[in-house]
Amino acid sequence: MRSLTLIGWLTITFFSHSKKLFSQTPEFKVLAFYATTVEKDHVDFAGDALHFFAHLASKDRFTIDSTVEWDKLNEETLKNYQLVIWVNEFPHTEAQRRAFEHYMEHGGAWLGFHVAGYNDKDTNWPWLVDFLGGAVFYTNSWPPLAARLVVDDRNHPVTRRLPARFISPINEWYLWKPSPRLNKNVKVLVTLDSANYPLGKKDIIKNGDLPVVWTNTQFKMVYMNMGHGDQVLTDSFQNNMIEDAILWLGRKK
C-alpha cells in the first residue's frame, strides 16, 4: 500500500493535530504518536500504519487517536488510554519522557516500531535502555531488504498466527548490543534467521543474534524492528502479528 497515493488520508492525518477513529463499542483506547518531519521512509510507514490501525479499530472494536503533538505525552492525556503506540519517532524532552515512564510503571501498555526503540550514547535516556531489556543500537543493514525470520514462540498471543518461518518485507534491520535476549526479563518472539547473513550491500551485518520482536515481561510492551518504508504492511503474516500485538496489549489486564 502506497501512503503517498492516499492524498485525502494524508491531508487529514499528517496535517491535522489529531485524527480520531471510533468503533461502535470500543473495548479499549489507543493513542498513536507519529512525526512528519523525520526520514521519508519513516513517514511513508506512518501513513500506511495509521490507515492500517484505522481498519483494525473498526474490525476489532477499539478506538484509536493519532497525533503529531508529542507534548500530549503527558500524564493527563495518557490516563485516558490503555495503549500507546510510537509509530516512527520517540520523545525527546524530559517532560515527555517522565510522563511515559510514569504511565508504563503504573500499568500502561506500549507498542513501538523500528526507530521508536533507537538509542545510543547521545540519547541519554537510561530508563529506555532498561525498558528495552538493555538493548542499545549498534548498527544497521543497508539498503532495506526483505529477510527470513524465525518465530521463537508460536504459542505467544502476539505470534500465535505465524508460521515457524516467514519472509518479512523490505525493511532496515537493527542489530543491538547487548542482545536483549541476554536479559532474564526479555522474551524474544521473533529473530532474524542467521541464513540471511551477510545482510546488506552497503552497510552489512555479517553475524550476530538479532531479535526483531520482543517483550520485556516487567512491562506491558512489545517492540518490533519493522517500520522502514512502504512495504512493511504488505505481508499478511506480519500484519496478523501487529494486529495480535495491539489486541494483546490493549485488552491485557
C-alpha atoms as a PDB file:
ATOM      1  CA  MET A   1       0.000   0.000   0.000  1.00  0.00           C
ATOM      2  CA  ARG A   2       1.446   3.341  -1.046  1.00  0.00           C
ATOM      3  CA  SER A   3       0.817   6.076   1.530  1.00  0.00           C
ATOM      4  CA  LEU A   4       1.693   8.807  -0.964  1.00  0.00           C
ATOM      5  CA  THR A   5      -1.349   7.877  -3.061  1.00  0.00           C
ATOM      6  CA  LEU A   6      -3.694   8.356  -0.117  1.00  0.00           C
ATOM      7  CA  ILE A   7      -3.977  12.102  -0.662  1.00  0.00           C
ATOM      8  CA  GLY A   8      -7.195  12.553   1.248  1.00  0.00           C
ATOM      9  CA  TRP A   9      -5.975  10.445   4.136  1.00  0.00           C
ATOM     10  CA  LEU A  10      -2.657  12.223   4.387  1.00  0.00           C
ATOM     11  CA  THR A  11      -4.287  15.628   4.244  1.00  0.00           C
ATOM     12  CA  ILE A  12      -6.304  14.756   7.330  1.00  0.00           C
ATOM     13  CA  THR A  13      -3.770  12.641   9.159  1.00  0.00           C
ATOM     14  CA  PHE A  14      -0.467  14.381   8.532  1.00  0.00           C
ATOM     15  CA  PHE A  15      -1.543  17.975   8.749  1.00  0.00           C
ATOM     16  CA  SER A  16      -4.149  17.947  11.468  1.00  0.00           C
ATOM     17  CA  HIS A  17      -3.286  17.849  15.148  1.00  0.00           C
ATOM     18  CA  SER A  18      -5.216  14.680  15.828  1.00  0.00           C
ATOM     19  CA  LYS A  19      -7.249  12.121  13.891  1.00  0.00           C
ATOM     20  CA  LYS A  20      -9.960  10.230  15.775  1.00  0.00           C
ATOM     21  CA  LEU A  21     -11.462   6.965  14.598  1.00  0.00           C
ATOM     22  CA  PHE A  22     -14.135   5.330  16.701  1.00  0.00           C
ATOM     23  CA  SER A  23     -15.705   1.910  16.695  1.00  0.00           C
ATOM     24  CA  GLN A  24     -19.267   1.499  17.948  1.00  0.00           C
ATOM     25  CA  THR A  25     -18.471  -0.238  21.205  1.00  0.00           C
ATOM     26  CA  PRO A  26     -14.752   0.248  21.864  1.00  0.00           C
ATOM     27  CA  GLU A  27     -13.076  -2.272  24.156  1.00  0.00           C
ATOM     28  CA  PHE A  28     -10.030  -0.076  24.742  1.00  0.00           C
ATOM     29  CA  LYS A  29      -8.425   3.173  23.601  1.00  0.00           C
ATOM     30  CA  VAL A  30      -5.140   3.617  21.754  1.00  0.00           C
ATOM     31  CA  LEU A  31      -3.081   6.773  21.221  1.00  0.00           C
ATOM     32  CA  ALA A  32      -0.581   6.658  18.346  1.00  0.00           C
ATOM     33  CA  PHE A  33       2.230   9.201  18.230  1.00  0.00           C
ATOM     34  CA  TYR A  34       3.993   9.850  14.913  1.00  0.00           C
ATOM     35  CA  ALA A  35       6.017  12.515  13.122  1.00  0.00           C
ATOM     36  CA  THR A  36       6.076  14.043   9.634  1.00  0.00           C
ATOM     37  CA  THR A  37       9.463  15.765   9.864  1.00  0.00           C
ATOM     38  CA  VAL A  38      11.534  12.583  10.010  1.00  0.00           C
ATOM     39  CA  GLU A  39      13.115  10.367   7.362  1.00  0.00           C
ATOM     40  CA  LYS A  40      10.845   9.943   4.338  1.00  0.00           C
ATOM     41  CA  ASP A  41      10.732   6.161   4.606  1.00  0.00           C
ATOM     42  CA  HIS A  42       9.557   6.531   8.202  1.00  0.00           C
ATOM     43  CA  VAL A  43       6.861   8.986   7.129  1.00  0.00           C
ATOM     44  CA  ASP A  44       5.736   6.537   4.451  1.00  0.00           C
ATOM     45  CA  PHE A  45       5.437   3.813   7.060  1.00  0.00           C
ATOM     46  CA  ALA A  46       3.421   6.097   9.336  1.00  0.00           C
ATOM     47  CA  GLY A  47       0.928   6.813   6.556  1.00  0.00           C
ATOM     48  CA  ASP A  48       0.403   3.118   5.925  1.00  0.00           C
ATOM     49  CA  ALA A  49       0.334   2.266   9.624  1.00  0.00           C
ATOM     50  CA  LEU A  50      -2.303   4.835  10.545  1.00  0.00           C
ATOM     51  CA  HIS A  51      -4.500   3.618   7.715  1.00  0.00           C
ATOM     52  CA  PHE A  52      -3.998   0.016   8.878  1.00  0.00           C
ATOM     53  CA  PHE A  53      -4.750   0.905  12.507  1.00  0.00           C
ATOM     54  CA  ALA A  54      -7.981   2.585  11.416  1.00  0.00           C
ATOM     55  CA  HIS A  55      -9.042  -0.617   9.664  1.00  0.00           C
ATOM     56  CA  LEU A  56      -8.217  -2.675  12.738  1.00  0.00           C
ATOM     57  CA  ALA A  57     -10.076  -0.296  15.042  1.00  0.00           C
ATOM     58  CA  SER A  58     -13.260  -0.772  13.044  1.00  0.00           C
ATOM     59  CA  LYS A  59     -12.755  -4.529  12.745  1.00  0.00           C
ATOM     60  CA  ASP A  60     -11.667  -5.265  16.317  1.00  0.00           C
ATOM     61  CA  ARG A  61     -13.772  -2.741  18.253  1.00  0.00           C
ATOM     62  CA  PHE A  62     -11.224  -0.370  19.725  1.00  0.00           C
ATOM     63  CA  THR A  63     -10.716   3.360  19.449  1.00  0.00           C
ATOM     64  CA  ILE A  64      -7.553   4.927  18.060  1.00  0.00           C
ATOM     65  CA  ASP A  65      -6.477   8.547  18.188  1.00  0.00           C
ATOM     66  CA  SER A  66      -3.310   9.737  16.472  1.00  0.00           C
ATOM     67  CA  THR A  67      -1.269  12.888  16.897  1.00  0.00           C
ATOM     68  CA  VAL A  68       1.966  14.589  15.896  1.00  0.00           C
ATOM     69  CA  GLU A  69       1.874  16.603  19.125  1.00  0.00           C
ATOM     70  CA  TRP A  70       4.366  14.797  21.337  1.00  0.00           C
ATOM     71  CA  ASP A  71       3.639  17.148  24.209  1.00  0.00           C
ATOM     72  CA  LYS A  72       0.425  15.149  24.551  1.00  0.00           C
ATOM     73  CA  LEU A  73       2.702  12.528  26.037  1.00  0.00           C
ATOM     74  CA  ASN A  74       1.720  13.765  29.486  1.00  0.00           C
ATOM     75  CA  GLU A  75       0.044  12.155  32.479  1.00  0.00           C
ATOM     76  CA  GLU A  76      -3.276  13.929  31.990  1.00  0.00           C
ATOM     77  CA  THR A  77      -3.641  12.675  28.410  1.00  0.00           C
ATOM     78  CA  LEU A  78      -2.171   9.211  28.882  1.00  0.00           C
ATOM     79  CA  LYS A  79      -4.534   8.268  31.693  1.00  0.00           C
ATOM     80  CA  ASN A  80      -7.303   8.051  29.080  1.00  0.00           C
ATOM     81  CA  TYR A  81      -5.591   5.327  27.049  1.00  0.00           C
ATOM     82  CA  GLN A  82      -4.883   1.653  27.588  1.00  0.00           C
ATOM     83  CA  LEU A  83      -2.204   1.516  24.861  1.00  0.00           C
ATOM     84  CA  VAL A  84       0.318   3.967  23.420  1.00  0.00           C
ATOM     85  CA  ILE A  85       1.996   3.382  20.042  1.00  0.00           C
ATOM     86  CA  TRP A  86       5.153   5.115  18.842  1.00  0.00           C
ATOM     87  CA  VAL A  87       4.931   4.782  15.084  1.00  0.00           C
ATOM     88  CA  ASN A  88       8.071   6.474  13.747  1.00  0.00           C
ATOM     89  CA  GLU A  89       9.635   8.617  16.463  1.00  0.00           C
ATOM     90  CA  PHE A  90      10.321   8.787  20.206  1.00  0.00           C
ATOM     91  CA  PRO A  91      10.072  11.512  22.887  1.00  0.00           C
ATOM     92  CA  HIS A  92      12.931  13.971  23.198  1.00  0.00           C
ATOM     93  CA  THR A  93      12.012  16.215  26.120  1.00  0.00           C
ATOM     94  CA  GLU A  94      12.393  15.375  29.800  1.00  0.00           C
ATOM     95  CA  ALA A  95       8.722  16.107  30.474  1.00  0.00           C
ATOM     96  CA  GLN A  96       7.579  13.689  27.758  1.00  0.00           C
ATOM     97  CA  ARG A  97       9.970  11.005  28.952  1.00  0.00           C
ATOM     98  CA  ARG A  98       8.989  11.286  32.618  1.00  0.00           C
ATOM     99  CA  ALA A  99       5.292  11.112  31.720  1.00  0.00           C
ATOM    100  CA  PHE A 100       5.863   7.959  29.690  1.00  0.00           C
ATOM    101  CA  GLU A 101       7.871   6.339  32.461  1.00  0.00           C
ATOM    102  CA  HIS A 102       5.069   7.048  34.937  1.00  0.00           C
ATOM    103  CA  TYR A 103       2.488   5.675  32.503  1.00  0.00           C
ATOM    104  CA  MET A 104       4.368   2.414  31.953  1.00  0.00           C
ATOM    105  CA  GLU A 105       5.268   1.938  35.614  1.00  0.00           C
ATOM    106  CA  HIS A 106       1.595   2.272  36.540  1.00  0.00           C
ATOM    107  CA  GLY A 107       0.100  -0.276  34.177  1.00  0.00           C
ATOM    108  CA  GLY A 108       0.196   1.373  30.764  1.00  0.00           C
ATOM    109  CA  ALA A 109       0.952  -0.544  27.568  1.00  0.00           C
ATOM    110  CA  TRP A 110       3.271   0.291  24.664  1.00  0.00           C
ATOM    111  CA  LEU A 111       3.916  -0.870  21.109  1.00  0.00           C
ATOM    112  CA  GLY A 112       6.969   0.587  19.378  1.00  0.00           C
ATOM    113  CA  PHE A 113       8.094   0.234  15.783  1.00  0.00           C
ATOM    114  CA  HIS A 114      11.593   0.449  14.332  1.00  0.00           C
ATOM    115  CA  VAL A 115      13.125   3.845  15.190  1.00  0.00           C
ATOM    116  CA  ALA A 116      10.877   4.116  18.270  1.00  0.00           C
ATOM    117  CA  GLY A 117      13.430   1.963  20.071  1.00  0.00           C
ATOM    118  CA  TYR A 118      16.506   3.757  18.780  1.00  0.00           C
ATOM    119  CA  ASN A 119      19.024   4.725  21.431  1.00  0.00           C
ATOM    120  CA  ASP A 120      22.755   5.390  21.506  1.00  0.00           C
ATOM    121  CA  LYS A 121      25.376   7.269  23.551  1.00  0.00           C
ATOM    122  CA  ASP A 122      23.730  10.599  22.713  1.00  0.00           C
ATOM    123  CA  THR A 123      20.155   9.658  23.651  1.00  0.00           C
ATOM    124  CA  ASN A 124      20.825   9.996  27.392  1.00  0.00           C
ATOM    125  CA  TRP A 125      17.780   8.013  28.468  1.00  0.00           C
ATOM    126  CA  PRO A 126      18.967   5.043  30.574  1.00  0.00           C
ATOM    127  CA  TRP A 127      15.384   4.197  31.559  1.00  0.00           C
ATOM    128  CA  LEU A 128      14.579   3.453  27.902  1.00  0.00           C
ATOM    129  CA  VAL A 129      17.596   1.176  27.597  1.00  0.00           C
ATOM    130  CA  ASP A 130      16.403  -0.802  30.634  1.00  0.00           C
ATOM    131  CA  PHE A 131      12.854  -0.788  29.262  1.00  0.00           C
ATOM    132  CA  LEU A 132      14.139  -2.383  26.031  1.00  0.00           C
ATOM    133  CA  GLY A 133      15.913  -5.065  28.024  1.00  0.00           C
ATOM    134  CA  GLY A 134      19.338  -3.457  27.880  1.00  0.00           C
ATOM    135  CA  ALA A 135      19.364  -3.309  24.075  1.00  0.00           C
ATOM    136  CA  VAL A 136      21.474  -0.490  22.628  1.00  0.00           C
ATOM    137  CA  PHE A 137      21.555   0.256  18.895  1.00  0.00           C
ATOM    138  CA  TYR A 138      24.819  -0.982  17.405  1.00  0.00           C
ATOM    139  CA  THR A 139      24.465  -0.963  13.621  1.00  0.00           C
ATOM    140  CA  ASN A 140      22.002  -1.477  10.773  1.00  0.00           C
ATOM    141  CA  SER A 141      21.805  -3.131   7.391  1.00  0.00           C
ATOM    142  CA  TRP A 142      21.556  -1.024   4.228  1.00  0.00           C
ATOM    143  CA  PRO A 143      19.860  -0.799   1.837  1.00  0.00           C
ATOM    144  CA  PRO A 144      16.496  -2.049   3.137  1.00  0.00           C
ATOM    145  CA  LEU A 145      15.955  -5.692   2.237  1.00  0.00           C
ATOM    146  CA  ALA A 146      13.437  -8.429   2.822  1.00  0.00           C
ATOM    147  CA  ALA A 147      14.598 -11.062   5.318  1.00  0.00           C
ATOM    148  CA  ARG A 148      13.625 -14.502   6.539  1.00  0.00           C
ATOM    149  CA  LEU A 149      12.525 -14.512  10.190  1.00  0.00           C
ATOM    150  CA  VAL A 150      12.309 -17.339  12.708  1.00  0.00           C
ATOM    151  CA  VAL A 151       9.433 -17.385  15.201  1.00  0.00           C
ATOM    152  CA  ASP A 152      10.827 -18.251  18.637  1.00  0.00           C
ATOM    153  CA  ASP A 153       7.482 -18.869  20.351  1.00  0.00           C
ATOM    154  CA  ARG A 154       4.405 -19.702  18.284  1.00  0.00           C
ATOM    155  CA  ASN A 155       2.245 -20.074  21.396  1.00  0.00           C
ATOM    156  CA  HIS A 156       2.522 -16.449  22.484  1.00  0.00           C
ATOM    157  CA  PRO A 157      -0.591 -14.319  21.833  1.00  0.00           C
ATOM    158  CA  VAL A 158       1.421 -11.970  19.591  1.00  0.00           C
ATOM    159  CA  THR A 159       2.825 -14.714  17.359  1.00  0.00           C
ATOM    160  CA  ARG A 160       0.101 -17.360  17.515  1.00  0.00           C
ATOM    161  CA  ARG A 161      -0.876 -16.871  13.849  1.00  0.00           C
ATOM    162  CA  LEU A 162       2.661 -17.021  12.465  1.00  0.00           C
ATOM    163  CA  PRO A 163       4.341 -19.976  10.763  1.00  0.00           C
ATOM    164  CA  ALA A 164       7.666 -21.246  12.063  1.00  0.00           C
ATOM    165  CA  ARG A 165       9.428 -19.053   9.480  1.00  0.00           C
ATOM    166  CA  PHE A 166       8.273 -16.329   7.136  1.00  0.00           C
ATOM    167  CA  ILE A 167       9.693 -13.678   4.827  1.00  0.00           C
ATOM    168  CA  SER A 168       9.354 -10.177   6.248  1.00  0.00           C
ATOM    169  CA  PRO A 169       9.032  -7.455   3.572  1.00  0.00           C
ATOM    170  CA  ILE A 170      11.702  -4.881   2.758  1.00  0.00           C
ATOM    171  CA  ASN A 171      12.954  -3.192   5.920  1.00  0.00           C
ATOM    172  CA  GLU A 172      16.085  -1.756   7.526  1.00  0.00           C
ATOM    173  CA  TRP A 173      17.269  -4.164  10.215  1.00  0.00           C
ATOM    174  CA  TYR A 174      18.850  -3.060  13.508  1.00  0.00           C
ATOM    175  CA  LEU A 175      21.476  -5.013  15.410  1.00  0.00           C
ATOM    176  CA  TRP A 176      21.562  -4.440  19.181  1.00  0.00           C
ATOM    177  CA  LYS A 177      24.430  -4.890  21.637  1.00  0.00           C
ATOM    178  CA  PRO A 178      23.974  -6.396  24.026  1.00  0.00           C
ATOM    179  CA  SER A 179      21.270  -8.572  22.582  1.00  0.00           C
ATOM    180  CA  PRO A 180      18.027  -8.170  24.565  1.00  0.00           C
ATOM    181  CA  ARG A 181      17.900 -11.975  24.705  1.00  0.00           C
ATOM    182  CA  LEU A 182      20.592 -11.866  27.392  1.00  0.00           C
ATOM    183  CA  ASN A 183      18.205 -10.098  29.782  1.00  0.00           C
ATOM    184  CA  LYS A 184      16.298 -12.524  32.011  1.00  0.00           C
ATOM    185  CA  ASN A 185      13.171 -10.334  31.796  1.00  0.00           C
ATOM    186  CA  VAL A 186      13.052 -10.353  27.998  1.00  0.00           C
ATOM    187  CA  LYS A 187      11.076 -12.840  25.959  1.00  0.00           C
ATOM    188  CA  VAL A 188      12.186 -12.830  22.334  1.00  0.00           C
ATOM    189  CA  LEU A 189       9.314 -13.657  19.999  1.00  0.00           C
ATOM    190  CA  VAL A 190      10.865 -13.360  16.528  1.00  0.00           C
ATOM    191  CA  THR A 191      14.514 -13.448  15.395  1.00  0.00           C
ATOM    192  CA  LEU A 192      16.324 -12.768  12.135  1.00  0.00           C
ATOM    193  CA  ASP A 193      17.287 -16.091  10.560  1.00  0.00           C
ATOM    194  CA  SER A 194      21.089 -16.388  10.503  1.00  0.00           C
ATOM    195  CA  ALA A 195      20.740 -17.746   6.963  1.00  0.00           C
ATOM    196  CA  ASN A 196      20.276 -14.097   5.894  1.00  0.00           C
ATOM    197  CA  TYR A 197      23.918 -13.271   6.671  1.00  0.00           C
ATOM    198  CA  PRO A 198      25.663 -11.367   5.236  1.00  0.00           C
ATOM    199  CA  LEU A 199      22.704  -8.955   5.245  1.00  0.00           C
ATOM    200  CA  GLY A 200      23.027  -5.716   3.281  1.00  0.00           C
ATOM    201  CA  LYS A 201      25.055  -4.333   0.393  1.00  0.00           C
ATOM    202  CA  LYS A 202      26.470  -1.035   1.664  1.00  0.00           C
ATOM    203  CA  ASP A 203      26.107  -1.475   5.421  1.00  0.00           C
ATOM    204  CA  ILE A 204      26.447  -5.190   6.040  1.00  0.00           C
ATOM    205  CA  ILE A 205      25.535  -7.191   9.129  1.00  0.00           C
ATOM    206  CA  LYS A 206      27.748 -10.262   8.930  1.00  0.00           C
ATOM    207  CA  ASN A 207      26.671 -12.160  12.034  1.00  0.00           C
ATOM    208  CA  GLY A 208      25.155 -11.876  15.492  1.00  0.00           C
ATOM    209  CA  ASP A 209      21.988 -12.611  17.420  1.00  0.00           C
ATOM    210  CA  LEU A 210      19.379 -10.252  16.001  1.00  0.00           C
ATOM    211  CA  PRO A 211      15.980 -10.351  17.743  1.00  0.00           C
ATOM    212  CA  VAL A 212      13.384  -8.332  15.827  1.00  0.00           C
ATOM    213  CA  VAL A 213      10.302  -8.684  18.061  1.00  0.00           C
ATOM    214  CA  TRP A 214      10.390  -8.981  21.843  1.00  0.00           C
ATOM    215  CA  THR A 215       8.693  -8.063  25.088  1.00  0.00           C
ATOM    216  CA  ASN A 216      10.142  -7.017  28.432  1.00  0.00           C
ATOM    217  CA  THR A 217       7.986  -9.084  30.779  1.00  0.00           C
ATOM    218  CA  GLN A 218       8.305  -6.461  33.536  1.00  0.00           C
ATOM    219  CA  PHE A 219       6.030  -4.232  31.456  1.00  0.00           C
ATOM    220  CA  LYS A 220       3.117  -4.478  29.058  1.00  0.00           C
ATOM    221  CA  MET A 221       5.172  -3.774  25.959  1.00  0.00           C
ATOM    222  CA  VAL A 222       6.207  -5.091  22.552  1.00  0.00           C
ATOM    223  CA  TYR A 223       8.977  -3.771  20.340  1.00  0.00           C
ATOM    224  CA  MET A 224       9.034  -4.542  16.600  1.00  0.00           C
ATOM    225  CA  ASN A 225      12.026  -3.758  14.366  1.00  0.00           C
ATOM    226  CA  MET A 226       9.716  -3.381  11.365  1.00  0.00           C
ATOM    227  CA  GLY A 227       8.837   0.160  10.296  1.00  0.00           C
ATOM    228  CA  HIS A 228      11.017   1.409   7.440  1.00  0.00           C
ATOM    229  CA  GLY A 229       9.338   2.223   4.124  1.00  0.00           C
ATOM    230  CA  ASP A 230       6.085   1.493   2.356  1.00  0.00           C
ATOM    231  CA  GLN A 231       6.362  -2.300   2.067  1.00  0.00           C
ATOM    232  CA  VAL A 232       6.173  -3.235   5.754  1.00  0.00           C
ATOM    233  CA  LEU A 233       2.421  -3.840   5.755  1.00  0.00           C
ATOM    234  CA  THR A 234       2.283  -5.890   2.563  1.00  0.00           C
ATOM    235  CA  ASP A 235       2.613  -9.293   4.254  1.00  0.00           C
ATOM    236  CA  SER A 236      -0.441 -10.939   5.795  1.00  0.00           C
ATOM    237  CA  PHE A 237       1.534 -12.891   8.413  1.00  0.00           C
ATOM    238  CA  GLN A 238       3.296  -9.775   9.647  1.00  0.00           C
ATOM    239  CA  ASN A 239       0.028  -7.834   9.637  1.00  0.00           C
ATOM    240  CA  ASN A 240      -1.542 -10.553  11.776  1.00  0.00           C
ATOM    241  CA  MET A 241       1.305 -10.210  14.264  1.00  0.00           C
ATOM    242  CA  ILE A 242       0.821  -6.445  14.518  1.00  0.00           C
ATOM    243  CA  GLU A 243      -2.922  -6.867  14.964  1.00  0.00           C
ATOM    244  CA  ASP A 244      -2.457  -9.516  17.651  1.00  0.00           C
ATOM    245  CA  ALA A 245       0.080  -7.329  19.475  1.00  0.00           C
ATOM    246  CA  ILE A 246      -2.378  -4.447  19.616  1.00  0.00           C
ATOM    247  CA  LEU A 247      -5.160  -6.687  20.902  1.00  0.00           C
ATOM    248  CA  TRP A 248      -2.941  -8.424  23.460  1.00  0.00           C
ATOM    249  CA  LEU A 249      -1.623  -5.145  24.827  1.00  0.00           C
ATOM    250  CA  GLY A 250      -4.900  -3.264  24.693  1.00  0.00           C
ATOM    251  CA  ARG A 251      -7.004  -5.982  26.277  1.00  0.00           C
ATOM    252  CA  LYS A 252      -4.411  -7.238  28.747  1.00  0.00           C
ATOM    253  CA  LYS A 253      -5.451  -6.779  32.358  1.00  0.00           C
END
